[in-house]
Structures are given as C-alpha cells and as structure tokens.
Amino acid sequence: MKRAIQRLTFALSFIAASVVGGWWLGRLTSSLSFEMPLWLESTIKAGMRLAGATDPLDPEDIETFGLFALFFAYCIAVATVLAIALLLLRQHPGRRRQ
C-alpha cells in the first residue's frame, strides 16, 4: 500500500511539473508576437468544421485553439525532458566516497 501511494504521488508530481513547465513556456511564448503557422490554422479550421462550428470561423477562436495546442505541445516537451532527466539520474546513481 505504501508503495502504491508513493507511485501515485510521484505520478501526480510528474504531471504537475509538466503542466507548470508547459504553462510557463506558453506564457513566455504568448507574450511574444508571432504569426500562427498556416498548417496549424488549417488544422484548427478543419477540426472546428468537423465539430460542427458555424461557417464563419471567429479568428479569436482559432487563436485560442492555437494557443491551447501550443500549451499541450509544451507540456509534452517538458514531460519528455523530465522523463529523460529521470532516466539519466536512475542510470547513474551517486557513487559513495570511501
């Protein structure tokens, strides 16, 4: 039972760190001015049409979905970096000095 609680705590901490890291990267990126890539805008428009959105798509909705997509990508990137760091730390445990 103790092991299960430790694993759950670790998983929740990992997810929380990924979301917080993605939030800060998204906040940094959204403060910069940039144009949305054409492929992202086309994908969002196609997804909104498939979901049954009204014909004239609101540019603010497209921008909101684009920022959400970037936030999701940043969360995945932070989770990947954390997983690699954890893997490297587990493979090379600290050596004891004698």
N, C-alpha and C. Protein backbone atom coordinates (compact mmCIF):
# COMPACT_ATOMS: atom_id res chain seq x y z
N MET A 1 0.82 -1.20 0.00
CA MET A 1 0.00 0.00 0.00
C MET A 1 0.86 1.27 0.00
N LYS A 2 1.93 1.21 0.80
CA LYS A 2 2.83 2.36 0.86
C LYS A 2 3.49 2.60 -0.50
N ARG A 3 3.86 1.53 -1.17
CA ARG A 3 4.49 1.64 -2.49
C ARG A 3 3.52 2.26 -3.51
N ALA A 4 2.25 1.86 -3.44
CA ALA A 4 1.25 2.40 -4.36
C ALA A 4 1.04 3.90 -4.13
N ILE A 5 1.04 4.31 -2.88
CA ILE A 5 0.89 5.73 -2.56
C ILE A 5 2.10 6.51 -3.05
N GLN A 6 3.28 5.94 -2.91
CA GLN A 6 4.49 6.60 -3.40
C GLN A 6 4.46 6.76 -4.91
N ARG A 7 4.04 5.72 -5.61
CA ARG A 7 3.96 5.79 -7.07
C ARG A 7 2.91 6.80 -7.53
N LEU A 8 1.77 6.84 -6.84
CA LEU A 8 0.73 7.79 -7.18
C LEU A 8 1.22 9.22 -6.94
N THR A 9 1.89 9.43 -5.82
CA THR A 9 2.43 10.75 -5.53
C THR A 9 3.47 11.17 -6.57
N PHE A 10 4.32 10.24 -6.95
CA PHE A 10 5.33 10.52 -7.98
C PHE A 10 4.66 10.87 -9.31
N ALA A 11 3.66 10.09 -9.71
CA ALA A 11 2.98 10.34 -10.99
C ALA A 11 2.28 11.69 -10.98
N LEU A 12 1.60 12.02 -9.88
CA LEU A 12 0.93 13.31 -9.80
C LEU A 12 1.93 14.46 -9.80
N SER A 13 3.07 14.28 -9.14
CA SER A 13 4.10 15.31 -9.14
C SER A 13 4.68 15.50 -10.55
N PHE A 14 4.88 14.40 -11.25
CA PHE A 14 5.39 14.46 -12.61
C PHE A 14 4.43 15.21 -13.52
N ILE A 15 3.15 14.89 -13.41
CA ILE A 15 2.14 15.56 -14.23
C ILE A 15 2.06 17.04 -13.87
N ALA A 16 2.09 17.34 -12.58
CA ALA A 16 2.01 18.75 -12.15
C ALA A 16 3.23 19.53 -12.66
N ALA A 17 4.41 18.94 -12.59
CA ALA A 17 5.61 19.62 -13.07
C ALA A 17 5.53 19.84 -14.59
N SER A 18 4.98 18.89 -15.31
CA SER A 18 4.83 19.03 -16.76
C SER A 18 3.86 20.16 -17.11
N VAL A 19 2.75 20.22 -16.38
CA VAL A 19 1.75 21.25 -16.65
C VAL A 19 2.29 22.63 -16.29
N VAL A 20 2.97 22.74 -15.14
CA VAL A 20 3.53 24.03 -14.74
C VAL A 20 4.62 24.47 -15.73
N GLY A 21 5.48 23.56 -16.13
CA GLY A 21 6.50 23.89 -17.12
C GLY A 21 5.90 24.30 -18.45
N GLY A 22 4.88 23.58 -18.89
CA GLY A 22 4.19 23.94 -20.13
C GLY A 22 3.49 25.28 -20.02
N TRP A 23 2.92 25.56 -18.85
CA TRP A 23 2.26 26.85 -18.63
C TRP A 23 3.26 28.00 -18.75
N TRP A 24 4.43 27.85 -18.11
CA TRP A 24 5.41 28.93 -18.16
C TRP A 24 5.99 29.10 -19.56
N LEU A 25 6.22 28.00 -20.27
CA LEU A 25 6.69 28.13 -21.66
C LEU A 25 5.62 28.79 -22.53
N GLY A 26 4.38 28.41 -22.34
CA GLY A 26 3.29 29.02 -23.09
C GLY A 26 3.13 30.49 -22.77
N ARG A 27 3.30 30.83 -21.50
CA ARG A 27 3.20 32.24 -21.11
C ARG A 27 4.32 33.06 -21.75
N LEU A 28 5.52 32.49 -21.77
CA LEU A 28 6.65 33.18 -22.39
C LEU A 28 6.40 33.36 -23.89
N THR A 29 5.94 32.32 -24.55
CA THR A 29 5.72 32.37 -25.98
C THR A 29 4.57 33.30 -26.35
N SER A 30 3.50 33.27 -25.55
CA SER A 30 2.34 34.11 -25.89
C SER A 30 2.63 35.59 -25.69
N SER A 31 3.65 35.92 -24.91
CA SER A 31 3.99 37.33 -24.74
C SER A 31 4.75 37.87 -25.95
N LEU A 32 5.31 36.98 -26.76
CA LEU A 32 6.00 37.39 -27.98
C LEU A 32 4.99 37.48 -29.12
N SER A 33 5.25 38.35 -30.06
CA SER A 33 4.34 38.44 -31.20
C SER A 33 4.85 37.51 -32.30
N PHE A 34 3.95 36.72 -32.82
CA PHE A 34 4.31 35.80 -33.91
C PHE A 34 3.05 35.50 -34.71
N GLU A 35 3.25 35.07 -35.92
CA GLU A 35 2.13 34.65 -36.75
C GLU A 35 1.92 33.16 -36.57
N MET A 36 0.65 32.79 -36.55
CA MET A 36 0.33 31.37 -36.43
C MET A 36 0.71 30.68 -37.73
N PRO A 37 1.37 29.52 -37.64
CA PRO A 37 1.72 28.80 -38.87
C PRO A 37 0.47 28.42 -39.67
N LEU A 38 0.60 28.43 -40.97
CA LEU A 38 -0.53 28.15 -41.84
C LEU A 38 -1.09 26.74 -41.61
N TRP A 39 -0.21 25.77 -41.39
CA TRP A 39 -0.67 24.40 -41.18
C TRP A 39 -1.49 24.29 -39.89
N LEU A 40 -1.11 25.05 -38.86
CA LEU A 40 -1.86 24.99 -37.60
C LEU A 40 -3.23 25.63 -37.77
N GLU A 41 -3.27 26.75 -38.46
CA GLU A 41 -4.56 27.41 -38.70
C GLU A 41 -5.48 26.53 -39.54
N SER A 42 -4.94 25.89 -40.56
CA SER A 42 -5.75 25.00 -41.40
C SER A 42 -6.26 23.80 -40.62
N THR A 43 -5.42 23.26 -39.76
CA THR A 43 -5.82 22.12 -38.95
C THR A 43 -6.93 22.50 -37.98
N ILE A 44 -6.80 23.67 -37.37
CA ILE A 44 -7.83 24.13 -36.43
C ILE A 44 -9.14 24.38 -37.15
N LYS A 45 -9.08 25.01 -38.31
CA LYS A 45 -10.30 25.26 -39.08
C LYS A 45 -10.98 23.95 -39.46
N ALA A 46 -10.19 22.97 -39.91
CA ALA A 46 -10.76 21.68 -40.28
C ALA A 46 -11.38 20.98 -39.06
N GLY A 47 -10.70 21.05 -37.93
CA GLY A 47 -11.24 20.44 -36.72
C GLY A 47 -12.52 21.11 -36.25
N MET A 48 -12.57 22.43 -36.37
CA MET A 48 -13.79 23.15 -35.96
C MET A 48 -14.95 22.84 -36.90
N ARG A 49 -14.66 22.70 -38.18
CA ARG A 49 -15.73 22.34 -39.12
C ARG A 49 -16.23 20.93 -38.86
N LEU A 50 -15.32 20.01 -38.55
CA LEU A 50 -15.74 18.64 -38.22
C LEU A 50 -16.56 18.60 -36.94
N ALA A 51 -16.29 19.51 -36.02
CA ALA A 51 -17.02 19.56 -34.76
C ALA A 51 -18.37 20.25 -34.91
N GLY A 52 -18.63 20.82 -36.08
CA GLY A 52 -19.92 21.45 -36.33
C GLY A 52 -19.97 22.92 -35.99
N ALA A 53 -18.84 23.60 -36.04
CA ALA A 53 -18.81 25.04 -35.76
C ALA A 53 -19.52 25.79 -36.88
N THR A 54 -19.92 27.01 -36.57
CA THR A 54 -20.59 27.83 -37.58
C THR A 54 -19.64 28.10 -38.74
N ASP A 55 -20.20 28.43 -39.89
CA ASP A 55 -19.40 28.59 -41.10
C ASP A 55 -18.37 29.72 -41.00
N PRO A 56 -18.75 30.95 -40.63
CA PRO A 56 -17.70 31.97 -40.48
C PRO A 56 -16.95 31.75 -39.16
N LEU A 57 -15.75 31.24 -39.26
CA LEU A 57 -14.99 30.93 -38.06
C LEU A 57 -14.41 32.22 -37.46
N ASP A 58 -14.60 32.37 -36.18
CA ASP A 58 -14.13 33.56 -35.48
C ASP A 58 -12.61 33.48 -35.32
N PRO A 59 -11.87 34.50 -35.73
CA PRO A 59 -10.40 34.47 -35.60
C PRO A 59 -9.93 34.33 -34.16
N GLU A 60 -10.71 34.85 -33.21
CA GLU A 60 -10.31 34.70 -31.80
C GLU A 60 -10.39 33.25 -31.35
N ASP A 61 -11.39 32.52 -31.85
CA ASP A 61 -11.49 31.10 -31.51
C ASP A 61 -10.30 30.32 -32.07
N ILE A 62 -9.92 30.66 -33.29
CA ILE A 62 -8.78 29.99 -33.91
C ILE A 62 -7.51 30.28 -33.11
N GLU A 63 -7.34 31.52 -32.68
CA GLU A 63 -6.17 31.89 -31.88
C GLU A 63 -6.17 31.15 -30.53
N THR A 64 -7.34 31.05 -29.91
CA THR A 64 -7.44 30.34 -28.63
C THR A 64 -7.08 28.87 -28.79
N PHE A 65 -7.61 28.23 -29.81
CA PHE A 65 -7.27 26.83 -30.05
C PHE A 65 -5.79 26.66 -30.38
N GLY A 66 -5.24 27.62 -31.10
CA GLY A 66 -3.80 27.57 -31.42
C GLY A 66 -2.94 27.66 -30.17
N LEU A 67 -3.30 28.57 -29.27
CA LEU A 67 -2.54 28.68 -28.02
C LEU A 67 -2.70 27.44 -27.16
N PHE A 68 -3.90 26.84 -27.17
CA PHE A 68 -4.09 25.59 -26.43
C PHE A 68 -3.25 24.47 -27.02
N ALA A 69 -3.18 24.41 -28.34
CA ALA A 69 -2.35 23.39 -28.99
C ALA A 69 -0.87 23.58 -28.63
N LEU A 70 -0.41 24.83 -28.61
CA LEU A 70 0.97 25.10 -28.20
C LEU A 70 1.20 24.72 -26.74
N PHE A 71 0.25 25.04 -25.87
CA PHE A 71 0.36 24.67 -24.46
C PHE A 71 0.46 23.16 -24.31
N PHE A 72 -0.37 22.43 -25.04
CA PHE A 72 -0.33 20.97 -24.98
C PHE A 72 1.02 20.44 -25.48
N ALA A 73 1.54 21.02 -26.55
CA ALA A 73 2.85 20.60 -27.08
C ALA A 73 3.96 20.92 -26.08
N TYR A 74 3.87 22.08 -25.42
CA TYR A 74 4.88 22.42 -24.41
C TYR A 74 4.83 21.48 -23.22
N CYS A 75 3.64 21.09 -22.80
CA CYS A 75 3.53 20.13 -21.70
C CYS A 75 4.17 18.80 -22.07
N ILE A 76 3.97 18.36 -23.29
CA ILE A 76 4.58 17.11 -23.74
C ILE A 76 6.10 17.26 -23.80
N ALA A 77 6.58 18.41 -24.28
CA ALA A 77 8.03 18.64 -24.35
C ALA A 77 8.65 18.65 -22.95
N VAL A 78 8.01 19.31 -22.00
CA VAL A 78 8.53 19.33 -20.63
C VAL A 78 8.50 17.94 -20.02
N ALA A 79 7.43 17.19 -20.26
CA ALA A 79 7.35 15.82 -19.75
C ALA A 79 8.45 14.94 -20.34
N THR A 80 8.75 15.14 -21.61
CA THR A 80 9.82 14.37 -22.24
C THR A 80 11.18 14.70 -21.62
N VAL A 81 11.44 15.98 -21.41
CA VAL A 81 12.71 16.39 -20.78
C VAL A 81 12.80 15.85 -19.35
N LEU A 82 11.71 15.90 -18.61
CA LEU A 82 11.71 15.36 -17.25
C LEU A 82 11.94 13.85 -17.24
N ALA A 83 11.32 13.15 -18.19
CA ALA A 83 11.49 11.70 -18.26
C ALA A 83 12.93 11.33 -18.61
N ILE A 84 13.54 12.07 -19.52
CA ILE A 84 14.94 11.80 -19.88
C ILE A 84 15.85 12.08 -18.69
N ALA A 85 15.60 13.20 -17.99
CA ALA A 85 16.41 13.53 -16.81
C ALA A 85 16.26 12.46 -15.73
N LEU A 86 15.05 11.99 -15.52
CA LEU A 86 14.82 10.94 -14.53
C LEU A 86 15.52 9.64 -14.92
N LEU A 87 15.46 9.31 -16.20
CA LEU A 87 16.13 8.10 -16.68
C LEU A 87 17.64 8.20 -16.48
N LEU A 88 18.21 9.36 -16.80
CA LEU A 88 19.65 9.53 -16.61
C LEU A 88 20.04 9.49 -15.14
N LEU A 89 19.20 10.07 -14.28
CA LEU A 89 19.51 10.03 -12.85
C LEU A 89 19.41 8.62 -12.28
N ARG A 90 18.48 7.84 -12.78
CA ARG A 90 18.35 6.45 -12.28
C ARG A 90 19.47 5.55 -12.79
N GLN A 91 19.99 5.84 -13.99
CA GLN A 91 21.05 5.00 -14.54
C GLN A 91 22.39 5.29 -13.89
N HIS A 92 22.60 6.51 -13.43
CA HIS A 92 23.88 6.89 -12.83
C HIS A 92 23.67 7.33 -11.39
N PRO A 93 23.53 6.36 -10.50
CA PRO A 93 23.32 6.72 -9.11
C PRO A 93 24.60 7.35 -8.53
N GLY A 94 24.40 8.16 -7.52
CA GLY A 94 25.56 8.80 -6.89
C GLY A 94 26.50 7.77 -6.29
N ARG A 95 27.77 7.94 -6.54
CA ARG A 95 28.75 7.00 -6.01
C ARG A 95 29.20 7.45 -4.63
N ARG A 96 29.35 6.51 -3.77
CA ARG A 96 29.77 6.82 -2.40
C ARG A 96 31.27 6.99 -2.35
N ARG A 97 31.70 7.98 -1.60
CA ARG A 97 33.13 8.18 -1.41
C ARG A 97 33.59 7.37 -0.21
N GLN A 98 34.75 6.78 -0.36
CA GLN A 98 35.26 5.95 0.74
C GLN A 98 36.41 6.62 1.42
